[in-house]
Amino acid sequence: MKLIVAYIQPGKLNSVKQELYKRKIYKISVTNALGCGQQKGFTETYRGVEIEVNLLKKVRIEIAVNDEFVKPTIEGIITGARTDTIGDGKIFVMPIEEVIRIRNGDSGKTAIG
C-alpha cells in the first residue's frame, strides 16, 4: 500500500482526473495549496507598487492505492499534468503502514478498495 501525493498546476486537474479515471483510479483527495520551487515566483505591479509573488497556486492530490495501482497512478498523473515546462509539479510516493475503514472496520488492502 502506498500514498501518492502530487503537486500540479491548477489548470491540469481536470486532465489528471480523466487520465486516472481511464486507469480505473477513482478515489482521490484534492486540496488547494501554495508553494514555490524552481519557478521562484514572479513580480507584478499593483497600483504602482511592485509586489513579489513567490508562493504560486498549486493543487495537491492525495491517492492511497494498493501496490498494483502505483505505476498506473503515477503514469496517469504524469500524462495529465505534463506541459514540459518548469512548474509542472512533483509526485511523492510513501509507504502506508495501516489503513482502517471507519464504517465497518476493514483494514489493509480491503480498506483502500
Protein backbone atom coordinates (compact mmCIF):
# COMPACT_ATOMS: atom_id res chain seq x y z
CA MET A 1 0.00 0.00 0.00
CA LYS A 2 1.28 3.43 -0.94
CA LEU A 3 0.23 7.04 -0.52
CA ILE A 4 0.85 9.07 -3.66
CA VAL A 5 0.96 12.84 -3.18
CA ALA A 6 1.25 15.07 -6.24
CA TYR A 7 1.50 18.84 -6.61
CA ILE A 8 0.29 20.02 -10.01
CA GLN A 9 -0.83 23.17 -11.83
CA PRO A 10 -4.49 24.01 -11.03
CA GLY A 11 -5.41 24.10 -14.72
CA LYS A 12 -4.27 20.49 -15.18
CA LEU A 13 -6.52 18.97 -12.50
CA ASN A 14 -9.28 18.01 -14.93
CA SER A 15 -6.93 16.27 -17.36
CA VAL A 16 -5.21 14.41 -14.48
CA LYS A 17 -8.61 13.20 -13.20
CA GLN A 18 -9.55 12.00 -16.70
CA GLU A 19 -6.27 10.09 -17.04
CA LEU A 20 -6.77 8.49 -13.62
CA TYR A 21 -10.36 7.50 -14.48
CA LYS A 22 -9.08 5.81 -17.67
CA ARG A 23 -6.85 3.70 -15.42
CA LYS A 24 -9.76 2.83 -13.06
CA ILE A 25 -8.46 5.05 -10.24
CA TYR A 26 -11.44 6.91 -8.80
CA LYS A 27 -10.67 7.69 -5.15
CA ILE A 28 -8.68 10.89 -4.77
CA SER A 29 -8.45 13.81 -2.37
CA VAL A 30 -7.77 17.29 -3.76
CA THR A 31 -6.61 20.36 -1.81
CA ASN A 32 -5.62 23.84 -2.91
CA ALA A 33 -2.02 24.64 -1.97
CA LEU A 34 0.55 27.42 -2.27
CA GLY A 35 4.19 26.73 -2.98
CA CYS A 36 7.30 27.57 -4.91
CA GLY A 37 10.14 25.64 -6.38
CA GLN A 38 12.37 26.22 -9.35
CA GLN A 39 9.93 28.84 -10.71
CA LYS A 40 10.79 31.18 -7.80
CA GLY A 41 7.61 33.19 -8.31
CA PHE A 42 7.21 36.41 -10.23
CA THR A 43 6.97 40.19 -9.75
CA GLU A 44 3.87 42.21 -10.58
CA THR A 45 2.81 45.80 -10.16
CA TYR A 46 -0.39 46.59 -8.27
CA ARG A 47 -1.47 50.26 -8.05
CA GLY A 48 2.06 51.41 -8.76
CA VAL A 49 3.65 49.18 -6.11
CA GLU A 50 5.87 46.28 -7.10
CA ILE A 51 4.88 43.05 -5.37
CA GLU A 52 6.94 39.88 -5.36
CA VAL A 53 4.75 36.78 -5.53
CA ASN A 54 6.82 33.76 -4.62
CA LEU A 55 4.08 31.40 -3.48
CA LEU A 56 2.23 30.13 -6.54
CA LYS A 57 -1.13 28.37 -6.65
CA LYS A 58 -0.89 24.59 -6.88
CA VAL A 59 -3.23 21.67 -6.37
CA ARG A 60 -2.32 18.83 -4.01
CA ILE A 61 -3.68 15.41 -4.93
CA GLU A 62 -3.53 12.51 -2.47
CA ILE A 63 -4.28 8.96 -3.57
CA ALA A 64 -3.96 5.84 -1.41
CA VAL A 65 -3.52 2.77 -3.62
CA ASN A 66 -2.66 -0.90 -3.40
CA ASP A 67 0.73 -1.85 -4.82
CA GLU A 68 -0.59 -2.96 -8.23
CA PHE A 69 -2.05 0.53 -8.84
CA VAL A 70 1.11 2.54 -8.03
CA LYS A 71 2.56 2.56 -11.55
CA PRO A 72 -0.75 3.30 -13.36
CA THR A 73 -1.45 6.14 -10.90
CA ILE A 74 1.94 7.75 -11.45
CA GLU A 75 1.63 7.36 -15.23
CA GLY A 76 -1.84 8.94 -15.16
CA ILE A 77 -0.65 11.95 -13.17
CA ILE A 78 2.35 12.48 -15.44
CA THR A 79 0.29 12.14 -18.63
CA GLY A 80 -2.38 14.54 -17.39
CA ALA A 81 -0.12 17.16 -15.80
CA ARG A 82 2.92 17.35 -18.09
CA THR A 83 3.47 20.50 -20.15
CA ASP A 84 7.29 20.12 -20.40
CA THR A 85 7.84 23.46 -18.66
CA ILE A 86 9.10 24.42 -15.22
CA GLY A 87 6.33 24.22 -12.64
CA ASP A 88 4.60 21.03 -13.84
CA GLY A 89 4.85 19.67 -10.30
CA LYS A 90 6.17 16.79 -8.23
CA ILE A 91 5.00 13.31 -7.21
CA PHE A 92 5.88 11.73 -3.86
CA VAL A 93 5.32 8.04 -3.11
CA MET A 94 5.23 6.96 0.54
CA PRO A 95 4.54 3.60 2.19
CA ILE A 96 1.37 3.19 4.23
CA GLU A 97 1.65 1.09 7.38
CA GLU A 98 -2.05 0.58 8.06
CA VAL A 99 -5.42 1.58 6.65
CA ILE A 100 -8.71 1.16 8.50
CA ARG A 101 -12.14 1.87 7.04
CA ILE A 102 -14.17 3.64 9.72
CA ARG A 103 -17.57 2.40 8.51
CA ASN A 104 -17.02 -1.30 9.09
CA GLY A 105 -13.51 -1.74 10.50
CA ASP A 106 -11.99 -3.29 7.34
CA SER A 107 -8.22 -2.97 7.32
CA GLY A 108 -5.32 -3.37 4.91
CA LYS A 109 -5.81 -3.82 1.15
CA THR A 110 -9.57 -4.24 1.55
CA ALA A 111 -9.94 -0.85 3.22
CA ILE A 112 -8.31 1.00 0.31
CA GLY A 113 -10.58 -0.67 -2.23
